[in-house]
């Protein structure tokens, strides 16, 4: 009886060990494939940004002198604008003007 139990336990131990070895091998390759895919995605994004920058430079080179001047003037004029320029002051937010009632 003891021999049978030992053999059954040995078979189960071998099956569990084989299962763990197979899982370990698949996880490693899947992880490396995922890393390669992420690296490729980052490289693609870098190439895309570089291509856009080159396209922008090429576009500006094709423009006339007057257009470049206008672009430069507009960039200087509107550089200071950001999302907080239109925000009301502290006191206005604290004490807003009362609106007339619709009654």
PDB file of N, CA and C in Angstrom:
ATOM      1  N   UNK A   1       0.825  -1.196   0.000  1.00  0.00           N
ATOM      2  CA  UNK A   1       0.000   0.000   0.000  1.00  0.00           C
ATOM      3  C   UNK A   1       0.863   1.251   0.000  1.00  0.00           C
ATOM      4  N   UNK A   2       1.922   1.237   0.777  1.00  0.00           N
ATOM      5  CA  UNK A   2       2.818   2.376   0.864  1.00  0.00           C
ATOM      6  C   UNK A   2       3.534   2.599  -0.464  1.00  0.00           C
ATOM      7  N   UNK A   3       3.884   1.478  -1.132  1.00  0.00           N
ATOM      8  CA  UNK A   3       4.548   1.585  -2.433  1.00  0.00           C
ATOM      9  C   UNK A   3       3.645   2.288  -3.454  1.00  0.00           C
ATOM     10  N   UNK A   4       2.401   1.960  -3.460  1.00  0.00           N
ATOM     11  CA  UNK A   4       1.445   2.547  -4.402  1.00  0.00           C
ATOM     12  C   UNK A   4       1.314   4.051  -4.133  1.00  0.00           C
ATOM     13  N   UNK A   5       1.220   4.423  -2.879  1.00  0.00           N
ATOM     14  CA  UNK A   5       1.097   5.846  -2.524  1.00  0.00           C
ATOM     15  C   UNK A   5       2.354   6.606  -2.926  1.00  0.00           C
ATOM     16  N   UNK A   6       3.523   5.987  -2.716  1.00  0.00           N
ATOM     17  CA  UNK A   6       4.779   6.643  -3.109  1.00  0.00           C
ATOM     18  C   UNK A   6       4.840   6.833  -4.617  1.00  0.00           C
ATOM     19  N   UNK A   7       4.439   5.828  -5.354  1.00  0.00           N
ATOM     20  CA  UNK A   7       4.465   5.933  -6.823  1.00  0.00           C
ATOM     21  C   UNK A   7       3.501   7.010  -7.312  1.00  0.00           C
ATOM     22  N   UNK A   8       2.327   7.058  -6.720  1.00  0.00           N
ATOM     23  CA  UNK A   8       1.338   8.081  -7.113  1.00  0.00           C
ATOM     24  C   UNK A   8       1.877   9.477  -6.798  1.00  0.00           C
ATOM     25  N   UNK A   9       2.469   9.630  -5.611  1.00  0.00           N
ATOM     26  CA  UNK A   9       3.050  10.924  -5.255  1.00  0.00           C
ATOM     27  C   UNK A   9       4.214  11.289  -6.171  1.00  0.00           C
ATOM     28  N   UNK A  10       5.038  10.312  -6.543  1.00  0.00           N
ATOM     29  CA  UNK A  10       6.149  10.557  -7.456  1.00  0.00           C
ATOM     30  C   UNK A  10       5.648  11.013  -8.825  1.00  0.00           C
ATOM     31  N   UNK A  11       4.596  10.359  -9.321  1.00  0.00           N
ATOM     32  CA  UNK A  11       4.017  10.743 -10.619  1.00  0.00           C
ATOM     33  C   UNK A  11       3.459  12.167 -10.550  1.00  0.00           C
ATOM     34  N   UNK A  12       2.750  12.482  -9.472  1.00  0.00           N
ATOM     35  CA  UNK A  12       2.216  13.832  -9.316  1.00  0.00           C
ATOM     36  C   UNK A  12       3.334  14.858  -9.219  1.00  0.00           C
ATOM     37  N   UNK A  13       4.393  14.550  -8.494  1.00  0.00           N
ATOM     38  CA  UNK A  13       5.518  15.482  -8.357  1.00  0.00           C
ATOM     39  C   UNK A  13       6.177  15.732  -9.709  1.00  0.00           C
ATOM     40  N   UNK A  14       6.359  14.665 -10.495  1.00  0.00           N
ATOM     41  CA  UNK A  14       6.939  14.824 -11.835  1.00  0.00           C
ATOM     42  C   UNK A  14       6.033  15.649 -12.740  1.00  0.00           C
ATOM     43  N   UNK A  15       4.739  15.403 -12.669  1.00  0.00           N
ATOM     44  CA  UNK A  15       3.808  16.189 -13.487  1.00  0.00           C
ATOM     45  C   UNK A  15       3.827  17.672 -13.099  1.00  0.00           C
ATOM     46  N   UNK A  16       3.847  17.934 -11.817  1.00  0.00           N
ATOM     47  CA  UNK A  16       3.881  19.329 -11.345  1.00  0.00           C
ATOM     48  C   UNK A  16       5.188  20.002 -11.761  1.00  0.00           C
ATOM     49  N   UNK A  17       6.309  19.282 -11.638  1.00  0.00           N
ATOM     50  CA  UNK A  17       7.608  19.842 -12.028  1.00  0.00           C
ATOM     51  C   UNK A  17       7.635  20.134 -13.523  1.00  0.00           C
ATOM     52  N   UNK A  18       7.133  19.195 -14.332  1.00  0.00           N
ATOM     53  CA  UNK A  18       7.103  19.401 -15.782  1.00  0.00           C
ATOM     54  C   UNK A  18       6.214  20.589 -16.133  1.00  0.00           C
ATOM     55  N   UNK A  19       5.108  20.721 -15.439  1.00  0.00           N
ATOM     56  CA  UNK A  19       4.188  21.834 -15.688  1.00  0.00           C
ATOM     57  C   UNK A  19       4.869  23.174 -15.383  1.00  0.00           C
ATOM     58  N   UNK A  20       5.591  23.233 -14.273  1.00  0.00           N
ATOM     59  CA  UNK A  20       6.279  24.469 -13.904  1.00  0.00           C
ATOM     60  C   UNK A  20       7.380  24.809 -14.898  1.00  0.00           C
ATOM     61  N   UNK A  21       8.081  23.812 -15.394  1.00  0.00           N
ATOM     62  CA  UNK A  21       9.134  24.057 -16.387  1.00  0.00           C
ATOM     63  C   UNK A  21       8.525  24.610 -17.670  1.00  0.00           C
ATOM     64  N   UNK A  22       7.418  24.047 -18.106  1.00  0.00           N
ATOM     65  CA  UNK A  22       6.776  24.531 -19.327  1.00  0.00           C
ATOM     66  C   UNK A  22       6.260  25.954 -19.164  1.00  0.00           C
ATOM     67  N   UNK A  23       5.683  26.261 -18.023  1.00  0.00           N
ATOM     68  CA  UNK A  23       5.178  27.615 -17.776  1.00  0.00           C
ATOM     69  C   UNK A  23       6.324  28.615 -17.760  1.00  0.00           C
ATOM     70  N   UNK A  24       7.428  28.256 -17.127  1.00  0.00           N
ATOM     71  CA  UNK A  24       8.568  29.159 -17.047  1.00  0.00           C
ATOM     72  C   UNK A  24       9.116  29.463 -18.432  1.00  0.00           C
ATOM     73  N   UNK A  25       9.149  28.493 -19.314  1.00  0.00           N
ATOM     74  CA  UNK A  25       9.666  28.725 -20.659  1.00  0.00           C
ATOM     75  C   UNK A  25       8.740  29.630 -21.460  1.00  0.00           C
ATOM     76  N   UNK A  26       7.451  29.461 -21.352  1.00  0.00           N
ATOM     77  CA  UNK A  26       6.538  30.291 -22.125  1.00  0.00           C
ATOM     78  C   UNK A  26       6.502  31.718 -21.589  1.00  0.00           C
ATOM     79  N   UNK A  27       6.615  31.911 -20.281  1.00  0.00           N
ATOM     80  CA  UNK A  27       6.595  33.263 -19.724  1.00  0.00           C
ATOM     81  C   UNK A  27       7.791  34.065 -20.190  1.00  0.00           C
ATOM     82  N   UNK A  28       8.943  33.464 -20.250  1.00  0.00           N
ATOM     83  CA  UNK A  28      10.142  34.184 -20.658  1.00  0.00           C
ATOM     84  C   UNK A  28      10.053  34.681 -22.087  1.00  0.00           C
ATOM     85  N   UNK A  29       9.603  33.828 -22.987  1.00  0.00           N
ATOM     86  CA  UNK A  29       9.525  34.240 -24.386  1.00  0.00           C
ATOM     87  C   UNK A  29       8.416  35.265 -24.583  1.00  0.00           C
ATOM     88  N   UNK A  30       7.322  35.114 -23.859  1.00  0.00           N
ATOM     89  CA  UNK A  30       6.224  36.078 -23.983  1.00  0.00           C
ATOM     90  C   UNK A  30       6.665  37.443 -23.459  1.00  0.00           C
ATOM     91  N   UNK A  31       7.413  37.436 -22.368  1.00  0.00           N
ATOM     92  CA  UNK A  31       7.898  38.705 -21.820  1.00  0.00           C
ATOM     93  C   UNK A  31       8.861  39.393 -22.758  1.00  0.00           C
ATOM     94  N   UNK A  32       9.757  38.625 -23.379  1.00  0.00           N
ATOM     95  CA  UNK A  32      10.710  39.232 -24.307  1.00  0.00           C
ATOM     96  C   UNK A  32      10.009  39.743 -25.558  1.00  0.00           C
ATOM     97  N   UNK A  33       8.999  39.012 -26.018  1.00  0.00           N
ATOM     98  CA  UNK A  33       8.238  39.483 -27.183  1.00  0.00           C
ATOM     99  C   UNK A  33       7.518  40.782 -26.861  1.00  0.00           C
ATOM    100  N   UNK A  34       6.978  40.865 -25.644  1.00  0.00           N
ATOM    101  CA  UNK A  34       6.269  42.082 -25.246  1.00  0.00           C
ATOM    102  C   UNK A  34       7.239  43.254 -25.157  1.00  0.00           C
ATOM    103  N   UNK A  35       8.430  43.003 -24.597  1.00  0.00           N
ATOM    104  CA  UNK A  35       9.434  44.069 -24.511  1.00  0.00           C
ATOM    105  C   UNK A  35       9.848  44.542 -25.888  1.00  0.00           C
ATOM    106  N   UNK A  36      10.036  43.593 -26.815  1.00  0.00           N
ATOM    107  CA  UNK A  36      10.397  43.962 -28.178  1.00  0.00           C
ATOM    108  C   UNK A  36       9.296  44.783 -28.834  1.00  0.00           C
ATOM    109  N   UNK A  37       8.045  44.406 -28.592  1.00  0.00           N
ATOM    110  CA  UNK A  37       6.921  45.142 -29.174  1.00  0.00           C
ATOM    111  C   UNK A  37       6.855  46.562 -28.620  1.00  0.00           C
ATOM    112  N   UNK A  38       7.070  46.709 -27.311  1.00  0.00           N
ATOM    113  CA  UNK A  38       7.058  48.048 -26.716  1.00  0.00           C
ATOM    114  C   UNK A  38       8.204  48.895 -27.252  1.00  0.00           C
ATOM    115  N   UNK A  39       9.384  48.277 -27.395  1.00  0.00           N
ATOM    116  CA  UNK A  39      10.541  48.996 -27.917  1.00  0.00           C
ATOM    117  C   UNK A  39      10.287  49.450 -29.357  1.00  0.00           C
ATOM    118  N   UNK A  40       9.684  48.574 -30.151  1.00  0.00           N
ATOM    119  CA  UNK A  40       9.363  48.923 -31.532  1.00  0.00           C
ATOM    120  C   UNK A  40       8.358  50.062 -31.584  1.00  0.00           C
ATOM    121  N   UNK A  41       7.390  50.054 -30.664  1.00  0.00           N
ATOM    122  CA  UNK A  41       6.390  51.123 -30.632  1.00  0.00           C
ATOM    123  C   UNK A  41       7.037  52.466 -30.297  1.00  0.00           C
ATOM    124  N   UNK A  42       7.976  52.449 -29.341  1.00  0.00           N
ATOM    125  CA  UNK A  42       8.672  53.683 -28.970  1.00  0.00           C
ATOM    126  C   UNK A  42       9.506  54.193 -30.137  1.00  0.00           C
ATOM    127  N   UNK A  43      10.199  53.281 -30.808  1.00  0.00           N
ATOM    128  CA  UNK A  43      11.006  53.681 -31.964  1.00  0.00           C
ATOM    129  C   UNK A  43      10.122  54.260 -33.069  1.00  0.00           C
ATOM    130  N   UNK A  44       8.962  53.651 -33.291  1.00  0.00           N
ATOM    131  CA  UNK A  44       8.038  54.160 -34.307  1.00  0.00           C
ATOM    132  C   UNK A  44       7.567  55.570 -33.953  1.00  0.00           C
ATOM    133  N   UNK A  45       7.286  55.809 -32.675  1.00  0.00           N
ATOM    134  CA  UNK A  45       6.849  57.140 -32.251  1.00  0.00           C
ATOM    135  C   UNK A  45       7.965  58.164 -32.461  1.00  0.00           C
ATOM    136  N   UNK A  46       9.212  57.770 -32.175  1.00  0.00           N
ATOM    137  CA  UNK A  46      10.346  58.675 -32.395  1.00  0.00           C
ATOM    138  C   UNK A  46      10.496  59.004 -33.871  1.00  0.00           C
ATOM    139  N   UNK A  47      10.398  57.977 -34.713  1.00  0.00           N
ATOM    140  CA  UNK A  47      10.509  58.221 -36.160  1.00  0.00           C
ATOM    141  C   UNK A  47       9.390  59.115 -36.657  1.00  0.00           C
ATOM    142  N   UNK A  48       8.183  58.921 -36.132  1.00  0.00           N
ATOM    143  CA  UNK A  48       7.039  59.746 -36.534  1.00  0.00           C
ATOM    144  C   UNK A  48       7.261  61.204 -36.149  1.00  0.00           C
ATOM    145  N   UNK A  49       7.759  61.441 -34.928  1.00  0.00           N
ATOM    146  CA  UNK A  49       8.010  62.809 -34.483  1.00  0.00           C
ATOM    147  C   UNK A  49       9.090  63.466 -35.328  1.00  0.00           C
ATOM    148  N   UNK A  50      10.122  62.701 -35.647  1.00  0.00           N
ATOM    149  CA  UNK A  50      11.211  63.244 -36.464  1.00  0.00           C
ATOM    150  C   UNK A  50      10.713  63.584 -37.866  1.00  0.00           C
ATOM    151  N   UNK A  51       9.871  62.720 -38.435  1.00  0.00           N
ATOM    152  CA  UNK A  51       9.322  62.972 -39.765  1.00  0.00           C
ATOM    153  C   UNK A  51       8.436  64.220 -39.759  1.00  0.00           C
ATOM    154  N   UNK A  52       7.632  64.386 -38.694  1.00  0.00           N
ATOM    155  CA  UNK A  52       6.796  65.585 -38.601  1.00  0.00           C
ATOM    156  C   UNK A  52       7.640  66.843 -38.515  1.00  0.00           C
ATOM    157  N   UNK A  53       8.722  66.778 -37.742  1.00  0.00           N
ATOM    158  CA  UNK A  53       9.604  67.941 -37.608  1.00  0.00           C
ATOM    159  C   UNK A  53      10.261  68.282 -38.943  1.00  0.00           C
ATOM    160  N   UNK A  54      10.723  67.266 -39.667  1.00  0.00           N
ATOM    161  CA  UNK A  54      11.317  67.509 -40.981  1.00  0.00           C
ATOM    162  C   UNK A  54      10.288  68.101 -41.938  1.00  0.00           C
ATOM    163  N   UNK A  55       9.064  67.583 -41.881  1.00  0.00           N
ATOM    164  CA  UNK A  55       8.004  68.119 -42.734  1.00  0.00           C
ATOM    165  C   UNK A  55       7.698  69.575 -42.407  1.00  0.00           C
ATOM    166  N   UNK A  56       7.709  69.917 -41.118  1.00  0.00           N
ATOM    167  CA  UNK A  56       7.465  71.294 -40.705  1.00  0.00           C
ATOM    168  C   UNK A  56       8.570  72.217 -41.227  1.00  0.00           C
ATOM    169  N   UNK A  57       9.822  71.771 -41.088  1.00  0.00           N
ATOM    170  CA  UNK A  57      10.946  72.583 -41.573  1.00  0.00           C
ATOM    171  C   UNK A  57      10.869  72.777 -43.084  1.00  0.00           C
ATOM    172  N   UNK A  58      10.540  71.702 -43.792  1.00  0.00           N
ATOM    173  CA  UNK A  58      10.432  71.787 -45.251  1.00  0.00           C
ATOM    174  C   UNK A  58       9.311  72.749 -45.642  1.00  0.00           C
ATOM    175  N   UNK A  59       8.220  72.699 -44.899  1.00  0.00           N
ATOM    176  CA  UNK A  59       7.086  73.582 -45.184  1.00  0.00           C
ATOM    177  C   UNK A  59       7.470  75.053 -44.971  1.00  0.00           C
ATOM    178  N   UNK A  60       8.202  75.331 -43.895  1.00  0.00           N
ATOM    179  CA  UNK A  60       8.597  76.726 -43.651  1.00  0.00           C
ATOM    180  C   UNK A  60       9.592  77.213 -44.692  1.00  0.00           C
ATOM    181  N   UNK A  61      10.448  76.334 -45.181  1.00  0.00           N
ATOM    182  CA  UNK A  61      11.412  76.749 -46.213  1.00  0.00           C
ATOM    183  C   UNK A  61      10.712  77.123 -47.514  1.00  0.00           C
ATOM    184  N   UNK A  62       9.577  76.498 -47.776  1.00  0.00           N
ATOM    185  CA  UNK A  62       8.867  76.772 -49.030  1.00  0.00           C
ATOM    186  C   UNK A  62       8.103  78.088 -49.007  1.00  0.00           C
ATOM    187  N   UNK A  63       7.875  78.649 -47.819  1.00  0.00           N
ATOM    188  CA  UNK A  63       7.060  79.860 -47.714  1.00  0.00           C
ATOM    189  C   UNK A  63       7.862  81.094 -48.110  1.00  0.00           C
ATOM    190  N   UNK A  64       7.124  82.134 -48.511  1.00  0.00           N
ATOM    191  CA  UNK A  64       7.781  83.387 -48.902  1.00  0.00           C
ATOM    192  C   UNK A  64       8.227  84.149 -47.649  1.00  0.00           C
ATOM    193  N   UNK A  65       9.004  85.195 -47.884  1.00  0.00           N
ATOM    194  CA  UNK A  65       9.539  85.988 -46.785  1.00  0.00           C
ATOM    195  C   UNK A  65       8.422  86.671 -45.994  1.00  0.00           C
ATOM    196  N   UNK A  66       7.414  87.176 -46.707  1.00  0.00           N
ATOM    197  CA  UNK A  66       6.306  87.857 -46.035  1.00  0.00           C
ATOM    198  C   UNK A  66       5.536  86.904 -45.104  1.00  0.00           C
ATOM    199  N   UNK A  67       5.325  85.692 -45.556  1.00  0.00           N
ATOM    200  CA  UNK A  67       4.594  84.722 -44.741  1.00  0.00           C
ATOM    201  C   UNK A  67       5.393  84.391 -43.487  1.00  0.00           C
ATOM    202  N   UNK A  68       6.694  84.183 -43.641  1.00  0.00           N
ATOM    203  CA  UNK A  68       7.540  83.897 -42.480  1.00  0.00           C
ATOM    204  C   UNK A  68       7.510  85.052 -41.489  1.00  0.00           C
ATOM    205  N   UNK A  69       7.515  86.273 -42.013  1.00  0.00           N
ATOM    206  CA  UNK A  69       7.456  87.456 -41.160  1.00  0.00           C
ATOM    207  C   UNK A  69       6.148  87.497 -40.385  1.00  0.00           C
ATOM    208  N   UNK A  70       5.047  87.195 -41.068  1.00  0.00           N
ATOM    209  CA  UNK A  70       3.744  87.201 -40.419  1.00  0.00           C
ATOM    210  C   UNK A  70       3.664  86.122 -39.336  1.00  0.00           C
ATOM    211  N   UNK A  71       4.183  84.942 -39.628  1.00  0.00           N
ATOM    212  CA  UNK A  71       4.198  83.865 -38.638  1.00  0.00           C
ATOM    213  C   UNK A  71       4.977  84.283 -37.406  1.00  0.00           C
ATOM    214  N   UNK A  72       6.135  84.888 -37.625  1.00  0.00           N
ATOM    215  CA  UNK A  72       6.982  85.310 -36.510  1.00  0.00           C
ATOM    216  C   UNK A  72       6.271  86.357 -35.661  1.00  0.00           C
ATOM    217  N   UNK A  73       5.626  87.311 -36.314  1.00  0.00           N
ATOM    218  CA  UNK A  73       4.906  88.364 -35.599  1.00  0.00           C
ATOM    219  C   UNK A  73       3.758  87.777 -34.775  1.00  0.00           C
ATOM    220  N   UNK A  74       3.005  86.862 -35.367  1.00  0.00           N
ATOM    221  CA  UNK A  74       1.890  86.256 -34.648  1.00  0.00           C
ATOM    222  C   UNK A  74       2.365  85.387 -33.488  1.00  0.00           C
ATOM    223  N   UNK A  75       3.470  84.693 -33.661  1.00  0.00           N
ATOM    224  CA  UNK A  75       4.001  83.881 -32.565  1.00  0.00           C
ATOM    225  C   UNK A  75       4.402  84.754 -31.392  1.00  0.00           C
ATOM    226  N   UNK A  76       5.026  85.880 -31.678  1.00  0.00           N
ATOM    227  CA  UNK A  76       5.420  86.794 -30.608  1.00  0.00           C
ATOM    228  C   UNK A  76       4.195  87.383 -29.919  1.00  0.00           C
ATOM    229  N   UNK A  77       3.181  87.693 -30.698  1.00  0.00           N
ATOM    230  CA  UNK A  77       2.000  88.355 -30.161  1.00  0.00           C
ATOM    231  C   UNK A  77       1.202  87.432 -29.243  1.00  0.00           C
ATOM    232  N   UNK A  78       1.108  86.161 -29.580  1.00  0.00           N
ATOM    233  CA  UNK A  78       0.225  85.268 -28.848  1.00  0.00           C
ATOM    234  C   UNK A  78       0.958  84.267 -27.961  1.00  0.00           C
ATOM    235  N   UNK A  79       2.233  84.455 -27.727  1.00  0.00           N
ATOM    236  CA  UNK A  79       2.989  83.509 -26.921  1.00  0.00           C
ATOM    237  C   UNK A  79       2.562  83.525 -25.461  1.00  0.00           C
ATOM    238  N   UNK A  80       2.125  84.667 -24.949  1.00  0.00           N
ATOM    239  CA  UNK A  80       1.803  84.811 -23.530  1.00  0.00           C
ATOM    240  C   UNK A  80       0.469  84.194 -23.139  1.00  0.00           C
ATOM    241  N   UNK A  81      -0.356  83.831 -24.079  1.00  0.00           N
ATOM    242  CA  UNK A  81      -1.694  83.341 -23.762  1.00  0.00           C
ATOM    243  C   UNK A  81      -1.627  81.903 -23.261  1.00  0.00           C
ATOM    244  N   UNK A  82      -2.265  81.650 -22.146  1.00  0.00           N
ATOM    245  CA  UNK A  82      -2.426  80.285 -21.658  1.00  0.00           C
ATOM    246  C   UNK A  82      -3.783  80.176 -20.979  1.00  0.00           C
ATOM    247  N   UNK A  83      -4.067  79.064 -20.370  1.00  0.00           N
ATOM    248  CA  UNK A  83      -5.416  78.809 -19.886  1.00  0.00           C
ATOM    249  C   UNK A  83      -5.800  79.688 -18.701  1.00  0.00           C
ATOM    250  N   UNK A  84      -4.824  80.280 -17.997  1.00  0.00           N
ATOM    251  CA  UNK A  84      -5.155  81.060 -16.809  1.00  0.00           C
ATOM    252  C   UNK A  84      -5.390  82.550 -17.095  1.00  0.00           C
ATOM    253  N   UNK A  85      -5.170  82.983 -18.334  1.00  0.00           N
ATOM    254  CA  UNK A  85      -5.358  84.400 -18.642  1.00  0.00           C
ATOM    255  C   UNK A  85      -6.810  84.832 -18.484  1.00  0.00           C
ATOM    256  N   UNK A  86      -7.737  83.975 -18.816  1.00  0.00           N
ATOM    257  CA  UNK A  86      -9.151  84.346 -18.779  1.00  0.00           C
ATOM    258  C   UNK A  86      -9.803  84.085 -17.425  1.00  0.00           C
ATOM    259  N   UNK A  87      -9.072  83.596 -16.481  1.00  0.00           N
ATOM    260  CA  UNK A  87      -9.637  83.294 -15.167  1.00  0.00           C
ATOM    261  C   UNK A  87      -9.856  84.598 -14.402  1.00  0.00           C
ATOM    262  N   UNK A  88     -10.996  84.711 -13.764  1.00  0.00           N
ATOM    263  CA  UNK A  88     -11.301  85.939 -13.040  1.00  0.00           C
ATOM    264  C   UNK A  88     -10.449  86.043 -11.774  1.00  0.00           C
ATOM    265  N   UNK A  89     -10.356  87.241 -11.245  1.00  0.00           N
ATOM    266  CA  UNK A  89      -9.495  87.479 -10.091  1.00  0.00           C
ATOM    267  C   UNK A  89     -10.077  86.849  -8.832  1.00  0.00           C
ATOM    268  N   UNK A  90      -9.268  86.832  -7.804  1.00  0.00           N
ATOM    269  CA  UNK A  90      -9.658  86.204  -6.547  1.00  0.00           C
ATOM    270  C   UNK A  90     -10.905  86.869  -5.977  1.00  0.00           C
ATOM    271  N   UNK A  91     -10.932  88.197  -5.955  1.00  0.00           N
ATOM    272  CA  UNK A  91     -12.069  88.915  -5.373  1.00  0.00           C
ATOM    273  C   UNK A  91     -13.336  88.723  -6.189  1.00  0.00           C
ATOM    274  N   UNK A  92     -13.199  88.657  -7.510  1.00  0.00           N
ATOM    275  CA  UNK A  92     -14.384  88.436  -8.358  1.00  0.00           C
ATOM    276  C   UNK A  92     -14.962  87.043  -8.117  1.00  0.00           C
ATOM    277  N   UNK A  93     -14.089  86.067  -7.897  1.00  0.00           N
ATOM    278  CA  UNK A  93     -14.582  84.728  -7.621  1.00  0.00           C
ATOM    279  C   UNK A  93     -15.212  84.652  -6.232  1.00  0.00           C
ATOM    280  N   UNK A  94     -14.662  85.428  -5.301  1.00  0.00           N
ATOM    281  CA  UNK A  94     -15.175  85.422  -3.936  1.00  0.00           C
ATOM    282  C   UNK A  94     -16.516  86.148  -3.840  1.00  0.00           C
ATOM    283  N   UNK A  95     -16.596  87.299  -4.511  1.00  0.00           N
ATOM    284  CA  UNK A  95     -17.824  88.116  -4.494  1.00  0.00           C
ATOM    285  C   UNK A  95     -18.314  88.344  -5.919  1.00  0.00           C
ATOM    286  N   UNK A  96     -18.996  87.376  -6.507  1.00  0.00           N
ATOM    287  CA  UNK A  96     -19.476  87.568  -7.893  1.00  0.00           C
ATOM    288  C   UNK A  96     -20.597  88.588  -7.929  1.00  0.00           C
ATOM    289  N   UNK A  97     -20.759  89.216  -9.090  1.00  0.00           N
ATOM    290  CA  UNK A  97     -21.853  90.182  -9.227  1.00  0.00           C
ATOM    291  C   UNK A  97     -23.170  89.431  -9.208  1.00  0.00           C
ATOM    292  N   UNK A  98     -24.158  90.048  -8.543  1.00  0.00           N
ATOM    293  CA  UNK A  98     -25.455  89.410  -8.479  1.00  0.00           C
ATOM    294  C   UNK A  98     -26.177  89.609  -9.799  1.00  0.00           C
ATOM    295  N   UNK A  99     -26.758  88.564 -10.296  1.00  0.00           N
ATOM    296  CA  UNK A  99     -27.488  88.652 -11.556  1.00  0.00           C
ATOM    297  C   UNK A  99     -28.939  89.014 -11.261  1.00  0.00           C
ATOM    298  N   UNK A 100     -29.551  89.776 -12.130  1.00  0.00           N
ATOM    299  CA  UNK A 100     -30.953  90.104 -11.893  1.00  0.00           C
ATOM    300  C   UNK A 100     -31.813  88.863 -12.001  1.00  0.00           C
ATOM    301  N   UNK A 101     -32.766  88.779 -11.134  1.00  0.00           N
ATOM    302  CA  UNK A 101     -33.643  87.587 -11.147  1.00  0.00           C
ATOM    303  C   UNK A 101     -34.625  87.683 -12.311  1.00  0.00           C
ATOM    304  N   UNK A 102     -35.102  86.564 -12.750  1.00  0.00           N
ATOM    305  CA  UNK A 102     -36.008  86.530 -13.906  1.00  0.00           C
ATOM    306  C   UNK A 102     -37.462  86.710 -13.505  1.00  0.00           C
ATOM    307  N   UNK A 103     -37.742  86.989 -12.226  1.00  0.00           N
ATOM    308  CA  UNK A 103     -39.139  87.157 -11.767  1.00  0.00           C
ATOM    309  C   UNK A 103     -39.691  88.497 -12.146  1.00  0.00           C
TER     310      UNK A 103
END
